[in-house]
Amino acid sequence: MKKWMKTIAATLALTMAMTGCGGGSDASADDAAGKYTVGIVQQLEHPALDAATLGFQEKLTELLDGNVTFDYQNAQGEQTNCTTIATKFVSDGVDLIMANATTALQSAAAATADIPIVGTSVTDYVTAGVVDSNEAPGRNVTGASDLAPIDEQIAMLTELVPDAQKVGIVYCSAEPNSLYQSKLAQAELDKAGIAWAEYTAADSNEVQSVVTKAVGECDVLYVPTDNTMANNTEIIKNVAVPAGVPVIAGEEGICSGCGVATLSISYYDLGVKAAEMAYEILVNGANPAEMPIEYVSEGITEKYNAEIAETLKIVIPEGMVAIGE
């Protein structure tokens, strides 16, 4: 595990221990003490989502001068767990729900139309079906998007693998935001005159067979920000690297596990952005229905996986940053 991942995991664990992770909350008691209670439902554990939760907790704690209690719950990748957690938050009467990743957000939105919800690590809120539009949500849901500039990611792919004839776009078919990114990538590949094909896994059990098929038919793989793929990077690496097929990843966590390079936003900064939105709702009375979805415009960095790049003999241009440095 990279040093930065260990740091995030250790700090997040400490933060959750201090804020009552997994132990439920007494929202009415906190309100009486002048504190806000925020329920956090995180879809599953992997470095990107962990970083977003950490950024959210640290920034909101700072903004509220420590007057906040977090009830952090991890759904371990199960939709039914997301539903159970969201329902419990509603029953507890939390002041706000932070939903980390698409399924968590969808479950929270289905559980309440009254408690404000701020999402993070979600690519397109309209595609997720939780807002009327990204500019004017129209409901009790708003948040920060993790959409990276896919046109620049495809440009990176063509620079690093200039002889690529066919690109395999690999993602989980159960994740609507991955399909959204795939469509954007397809349009960019069409502009570049490069053939492409989609390879979709229904769940983690199909990842190995799908990636095996993809590397047998393509010169390079593109993996967008996808929670299922992020949770199975070792499998992807063990198939793609021996086959000599590079992976261009949608975010740094996936790249660190199986990719050659990425143009990635900072998920910690994404969590910070969500915290700033939560503060506006809790303290200044902002209405989520009128708060446009926000994006991280700074800190988008070209990074590469030095180990895999060397193994595959990919020439890395000057200016790219090695992950972990």
Protein backbone atom coordinates (compact mmCIF):
# COMPACT_ATOMS: atom_id res chain seq x y z
CA MET A 1 0.00 0.00 0.00
CA LYS A 2 1.32 3.43 -0.92
CA LYS A 3 2.36 5.72 1.90
CA TRP A 4 -0.38 8.26 1.18
CA MET A 5 -3.02 5.52 1.33
CA LYS A 6 -1.74 4.37 4.73
CA THR A 7 -1.85 7.93 5.99
CA ILE A 8 -5.44 8.41 4.82
CA ALA A 9 -6.53 5.07 6.29
CA ALA A 10 -4.90 5.75 9.65
CA THR A 11 -6.22 9.30 9.91
CA LEU A 12 -9.71 8.28 8.80
CA ALA A 13 -9.77 5.47 11.36
CA LEU A 14 -8.76 7.90 14.11
CA THR A 15 -11.33 10.45 13.00
CA MET A 16 -14.09 7.85 12.94
CA ALA A 17 -13.11 6.58 16.36
CA MET A 18 -13.32 10.11 17.75
CA THR A 19 -16.71 10.73 16.13
CA GLY A 20 -18.48 7.52 17.03
CA CYS A 21 -18.03 5.42 13.90
CA GLY A 22 -20.58 2.64 13.61
CA GLY A 23 -22.08 3.31 17.00
CA GLY A 24 -25.15 5.28 15.99
CA SER A 25 -26.00 8.76 17.24
CA ASP A 26 -28.39 10.62 19.46
CA ALA A 27 -29.25 13.61 17.29
CA SER A 28 -31.60 15.22 19.81
CA ALA A 29 -28.93 15.17 22.54
CA ASP A 30 -26.40 16.73 20.18
CA ASP A 31 -28.87 19.44 19.14
CA ALA A 32 -29.46 20.26 22.80
CA ALA A 33 -25.70 20.60 23.27
CA GLY A 34 -25.47 22.99 20.31
CA LYS A 35 -23.89 20.43 17.99
CA TYR A 36 -24.85 19.27 14.53
CA THR A 37 -25.21 15.58 13.78
CA VAL A 38 -24.16 14.45 10.30
CA GLY A 39 -24.70 10.93 9.05
CA ILE A 40 -22.12 9.66 6.57
CA VAL A 41 -22.96 6.66 4.39
CA GLN A 42 -19.96 5.49 2.34
CA GLN A 43 -20.63 2.88 -0.30
CA LEU A 44 -17.44 0.89 0.24
CA GLU A 45 -13.81 1.25 1.23
CA HIS A 46 -11.16 2.21 -1.29
CA PRO A 47 -8.60 5.04 -1.30
CA ALA A 48 -10.61 7.58 -3.32
CA LEU A 49 -13.79 7.29 -1.23
CA ASP A 50 -11.79 7.20 2.01
CA ALA A 51 -10.02 10.42 0.99
CA ALA A 52 -13.33 12.13 0.20
CA THR A 53 -14.78 11.19 3.59
CA LEU A 54 -11.65 12.39 5.36
CA GLY A 55 -11.68 15.72 3.53
CA PHE A 56 -15.35 16.18 4.37
CA GLN A 57 -14.93 15.40 8.06
CA GLU A 58 -11.83 17.51 8.57
CA LYS A 59 -13.15 20.57 6.70
CA LEU A 60 -16.63 20.51 8.28
CA THR A 61 -15.10 20.07 11.74
CA GLU A 62 -12.94 23.13 11.05
CA LEU A 63 -15.82 25.21 9.70
CA LEU A 64 -18.08 24.34 12.65
CA ASP A 65 -15.35 24.82 15.25
CA GLY A 66 -15.71 21.21 16.31
CA ASN A 67 -19.46 21.49 16.94
CA VAL A 68 -20.34 18.43 14.89
CA THR A 69 -20.78 14.73 15.54
CA PHE A 70 -20.35 12.29 12.66
CA ASP A 71 -22.13 8.97 12.46
CA TYR A 72 -19.95 7.22 9.87
CA GLN A 73 -21.29 3.99 8.35
CA ASN A 74 -19.69 1.89 5.62
CA ALA A 75 -22.04 -0.18 3.47
CA GLN A 76 -19.29 -2.60 2.36
CA GLY A 77 -20.45 -2.36 -1.24
CA GLU A 78 -23.95 -3.68 -0.56
CA GLN A 79 -26.99 -1.73 -1.78
CA THR A 80 -29.19 -3.21 0.96
CA ASN A 81 -26.72 -1.92 3.56
CA CYS A 82 -26.90 1.57 2.02
CA THR A 83 -30.68 1.47 2.36
CA THR A 84 -30.55 0.27 5.95
CA ILE A 85 -28.03 2.94 6.93
CA ALA A 86 -29.96 5.75 5.24
CA THR A 87 -33.20 4.63 6.89
CA LYS A 88 -31.50 4.66 10.29
CA PHE A 89 -30.20 8.18 9.72
CA VAL A 90 -33.75 9.33 8.99
CA SER A 91 -35.04 7.58 12.11
CA ASP A 92 -32.29 9.20 14.19
CA GLY A 93 -33.19 12.64 12.85
CA VAL A 94 -29.71 13.64 11.74
CA ASP A 95 -29.26 17.24 10.59
CA LEU A 96 -27.68 16.30 7.26
CA ILE A 97 -26.62 13.19 5.34
CA MET A 98 -23.38 13.03 3.40
CA ALA A 99 -23.60 10.25 0.82
CA ASN A 100 -20.28 9.05 -0.60
CA ALA A 101 -20.67 7.39 -4.04
CA THR A 102 -23.67 6.83 -6.28
CA THR A 103 -25.48 3.91 -4.66
CA ALA A 104 -25.14 5.52 -1.24
CA LEU A 105 -26.60 8.75 -2.65
CA GLN A 106 -29.48 7.00 -4.37
CA SER A 107 -30.36 5.16 -1.16
CA ALA A 108 -30.26 8.34 0.90
CA ALA A 109 -32.43 10.20 -1.63
CA ALA A 110 -34.96 7.36 -1.57
CA ALA A 111 -35.04 7.39 2.24
CA THR A 112 -35.93 11.06 2.77
CA ALA A 113 -37.24 14.09 0.92
CA ASP A 114 -36.77 16.34 3.95
CA ILE A 115 -33.29 15.92 5.46
CA PRO A 116 -30.70 17.75 3.33
CA ILE A 117 -28.31 15.44 1.48
CA VAL A 118 -24.88 16.35 0.14
CA GLY A 119 -23.25 13.86 -2.20
CA THR A 120 -19.63 13.32 -3.12
CA SER A 121 -17.71 10.91 -5.41
CA VAL A 122 -20.67 10.97 -7.83
CA THR A 123 -20.01 11.76 -11.48
CA ASP A 124 -23.36 12.96 -12.80
CA TYR A 125 -26.28 13.59 -10.46
CA VAL A 126 -28.87 13.61 -13.24
CA THR A 127 -27.73 10.19 -14.45
CA ALA A 128 -27.95 8.96 -10.87
CA GLY A 129 -31.60 10.07 -10.86
CA VAL A 130 -31.42 12.18 -7.71
CA VAL A 131 -31.79 15.74 -9.09
CA ASP A 132 -33.84 17.46 -11.77
CA SER A 133 -30.74 19.12 -13.21
CA ASN A 134 -27.16 19.73 -12.18
CA GLU A 135 -27.75 23.48 -12.33
CA ALA A 136 -30.97 23.45 -10.28
CA PRO A 137 -31.35 20.18 -8.33
CA GLY A 138 -34.96 20.88 -7.37
CA ARG A 139 -34.89 18.43 -4.48
CA ASN A 140 -33.23 18.00 -1.07
CA VAL A 141 -30.05 16.78 -2.80
CA THR A 142 -26.92 18.60 -3.95
CA GLY A 143 -23.21 17.82 -3.88
CA ALA A 144 -19.82 17.72 -5.56
CA SER A 145 -19.04 15.82 -8.76
CA ASP A 146 -15.90 13.76 -9.34
CA LEU A 147 -16.07 14.18 -13.12
CA ALA A 148 -12.55 14.62 -14.47
CA PRO A 149 -11.80 16.09 -17.94
CA ILE A 150 -12.26 12.93 -19.99
CA ASP A 151 -11.17 14.65 -23.20
CA GLU A 152 -7.78 15.26 -21.58
CA GLN A 153 -7.64 11.68 -20.30
CA ILE A 154 -8.14 10.36 -23.84
CA ALA A 155 -5.52 12.81 -25.11
CA MET A 156 -3.16 11.35 -22.49
CA LEU A 157 -3.98 7.86 -23.73
CA THR A 158 -3.10 8.72 -27.31
CA GLU A 159 0.15 10.38 -26.21
CA LEU A 160 1.33 7.46 -24.05
CA VAL A 161 0.16 4.71 -26.43
CA PRO A 162 0.45 6.41 -29.86
CA ASP A 163 0.17 3.15 -31.81
CA ALA A 164 -3.11 2.07 -30.20
CA GLN A 165 -5.57 0.76 -32.75
CA LYS A 166 -8.37 -0.25 -30.39
CA VAL A 167 -9.29 0.86 -26.87
CA GLY A 168 -11.24 -1.29 -24.44
CA ILE A 169 -13.51 0.69 -22.11
CA VAL A 170 -13.93 -1.41 -18.98
CA TYR A 171 -16.50 -0.71 -16.27
CA CYS A 172 -19.30 -2.14 -14.16
CA SER A 173 -22.69 -2.15 -15.90
CA ALA A 174 -24.45 -1.64 -12.55
CA GLU A 175 -22.89 1.81 -12.14
CA PRO A 176 -24.77 4.42 -14.23
CA ASN A 177 -22.07 7.05 -13.81
CA SER A 178 -19.54 4.70 -15.39
CA LEU A 179 -21.80 4.39 -18.44
CA TYR A 180 -21.98 8.19 -18.54
CA GLN A 181 -18.18 8.42 -18.60
CA SER A 182 -17.96 5.67 -21.20
CA LYS A 183 -20.16 7.65 -23.58
CA LEU A 184 -17.93 10.71 -23.16
CA ALA A 185 -14.82 8.61 -23.79
CA GLN A 186 -16.39 7.05 -26.88
CA ALA A 187 -17.04 10.49 -28.36
CA GLU A 188 -13.43 11.53 -27.78
CA LEU A 189 -12.08 8.31 -29.30
CA ASP A 190 -14.32 8.80 -32.34
CA LYS A 191 -12.84 12.29 -32.77
CA ALA A 192 -9.36 10.77 -32.62
CA GLY A 193 -10.27 8.09 -35.15
CA ILE A 194 -9.52 5.23 -32.75
CA ALA A 195 -11.68 2.13 -32.58
CA TRP A 196 -13.17 1.18 -29.23
CA ALA A 197 -15.31 -1.46 -27.56
CA GLU A 198 -17.10 -1.65 -24.22
CA TYR A 199 -16.40 -4.49 -21.80
CA THR A 200 -18.77 -4.53 -18.85
CA ALA A 201 -18.88 -6.63 -15.69
CA ALA A 202 -22.13 -7.01 -13.78
CA ASP A 203 -20.24 -7.32 -10.49
CA SER A 204 -16.85 -8.19 -8.98
CA ASN A 205 -17.22 -11.85 -9.89
CA GLU A 206 -17.04 -11.01 -13.61
CA VAL A 207 -14.08 -8.62 -13.54
CA GLN A 208 -11.37 -11.17 -14.31
CA SER A 209 -13.16 -12.74 -17.28
CA VAL A 210 -14.16 -9.36 -18.71
CA VAL A 211 -10.65 -7.91 -18.43
CA THR A 212 -9.18 -11.10 -19.92
CA LYS A 213 -11.44 -10.72 -22.95
CA ALA A 214 -10.61 -7.02 -23.25
CA VAL A 215 -6.81 -7.44 -23.20
CA GLY A 216 -7.12 -10.17 -25.82
CA GLU A 217 -8.83 -7.80 -28.23
CA CYS A 218 -7.42 -4.33 -27.44
CA ASP A 219 -4.12 -2.46 -27.31
CA VAL A 220 -4.96 -0.34 -24.27
CA LEU A 221 -7.74 -0.20 -21.65
CA TYR A 222 -9.56 2.84 -20.31
CA VAL A 223 -11.10 2.40 -16.84
CA PRO A 224 -13.26 5.35 -15.71
CA THR A 225 -13.99 6.21 -12.09
CA ASP A 226 -15.85 3.03 -11.18
CA ASN A 227 -16.23 1.66 -7.65
CA THR A 228 -16.31 -2.00 -8.70
CA MET A 229 -13.13 -1.65 -10.74
CA ALA A 230 -11.49 0.38 -7.96
CA ASN A 231 -12.19 -2.49 -5.60
CA ASN A 232 -10.62 -5.02 -7.98
CA THR A 233 -7.44 -3.33 -9.21
CA GLU A 234 -5.23 -6.25 -8.26
CA ILE A 235 -7.25 -8.55 -10.52
CA ILE A 236 -7.03 -6.05 -13.38
CA LYS A 237 -3.27 -5.66 -12.89
CA ASN A 238 -2.69 -9.41 -12.78
CA VAL A 239 -4.42 -9.78 -16.14
CA ALA A 240 -3.38 -6.63 -18.00
CA VAL A 241 0.30 -6.31 -17.06
CA PRO A 242 1.38 -9.85 -18.06
CA ALA A 243 -0.50 -9.31 -21.33
CA GLY A 244 1.45 -6.11 -21.93
CA VAL A 245 -1.70 -4.00 -22.15
CA PRO A 246 -1.55 -0.59 -20.39
CA VAL A 247 -4.47 0.84 -18.44
CA ILE A 248 -5.36 4.53 -18.42
CA ALA A 249 -7.39 5.18 -15.28
CA GLY A 250 -10.06 7.70 -14.38
CA GLU A 251 -8.63 8.43 -10.93
CA GLU A 252 -5.48 8.03 -8.87
CA GLY A 253 -6.63 5.14 -6.68
CA ILE A 254 -7.34 2.92 -9.68
CA CYS A 255 -4.10 4.01 -11.33
CA SER A 256 -2.05 3.17 -8.25
CA GLY A 257 -3.46 -0.34 -8.32
CA CYS A 258 -3.42 -1.27 -11.99
CA GLY A 259 -2.88 1.72 -14.25
CA VAL A 260 -0.06 3.41 -16.09
CA ALA A 261 -1.36 6.96 -15.87
CA THR A 262 -4.30 9.13 -14.91
CA LEU A 263 -5.52 12.69 -14.98
CA SER A 264 -7.19 12.75 -11.60
CA ILE A 265 -8.94 15.17 -9.31
CA SER A 266 -8.12 15.15 -5.61
CA TYR A 267 -10.82 13.20 -3.77
CA TYR A 268 -9.75 14.84 -0.52
CA ASP A 269 -10.48 18.22 -2.13
CA LEU A 270 -13.78 16.80 -3.37
CA GLY A 271 -14.72 16.02 0.23
CA VAL A 272 -13.67 19.54 1.25
CA LYS A 273 -15.97 20.97 -1.43
CA ALA A 274 -18.88 18.88 -0.11
CA ALA A 275 -18.14 20.07 3.44
CA GLU A 276 -18.30 23.70 2.34
CA MET A 277 -21.70 23.02 0.80
CA ALA A 278 -22.87 21.26 3.98
CA TYR A 279 -21.79 24.27 6.03
CA GLU A 280 -23.86 26.61 3.88
CA ILE A 281 -26.90 24.40 4.45
CA LEU A 282 -26.43 23.88 8.18
CA VAL A 283 -25.34 27.38 9.21
CA ASN A 284 -26.59 29.77 6.54
CA GLY A 285 -29.82 27.99 5.66
CA ALA A 286 -29.00 27.35 2.02
CA ASN A 287 -31.57 25.23 0.18
CA PRO A 288 -30.06 22.13 -1.53
CA ALA A 289 -32.73 22.38 -4.22
CA GLU A 290 -31.23 25.71 -5.31
CA MET A 291 -27.54 24.78 -4.97
CA PRO A 292 -25.93 23.74 -8.28
CA ILE A 293 -23.73 20.67 -8.34
CA GLU A 294 -20.14 21.80 -7.86
CA TYR A 295 -16.88 20.60 -9.40
CA VAL A 296 -13.24 20.52 -8.35
CA SER A 297 -11.42 22.75 -10.82
CA GLU A 298 -8.04 22.92 -9.11
CA GLY A 299 -5.52 20.23 -8.27
CA ILE A 300 -6.21 18.10 -11.36
CA THR A 301 -2.86 16.43 -11.95
CA GLU A 302 -1.29 14.11 -14.51
CA LYS A 303 0.13 11.20 -12.53
CA TYR A 304 1.69 7.88 -13.40
CA ASN A 305 2.43 4.52 -11.82
CA ALA A 306 6.23 4.25 -12.04
CA GLU A 307 6.36 0.49 -11.44
CA ILE A 308 3.87 -0.45 -14.13
CA ALA A 309 5.17 2.14 -16.59
CA GLU A 310 8.65 0.68 -16.27
CA THR A 311 7.41 -2.89 -16.60
CA LEU A 312 5.48 -2.06 -19.78
CA LYS A 313 8.25 0.23 -21.08
CA ILE A 314 5.90 3.19 -21.41
CA VAL A 315 7.79 6.47 -21.93
CA ILE A 316 6.47 9.05 -19.47
CA PRO A 317 6.65 12.69 -20.63
CA GLU A 318 8.35 15.29 -18.48
CA GLY A 319 6.08 17.06 -16.05
CA MET A 320 4.00 14.06 -15.00
CA VAL A 321 4.14 13.22 -11.30
CA ALA A 322 4.78 9.72 -10.01
CA ILE A 323 2.08 8.50 -7.63
CA GLY A 324 3.42 8.55 -4.09
CA GLU A 325 5.94 11.32 -4.66
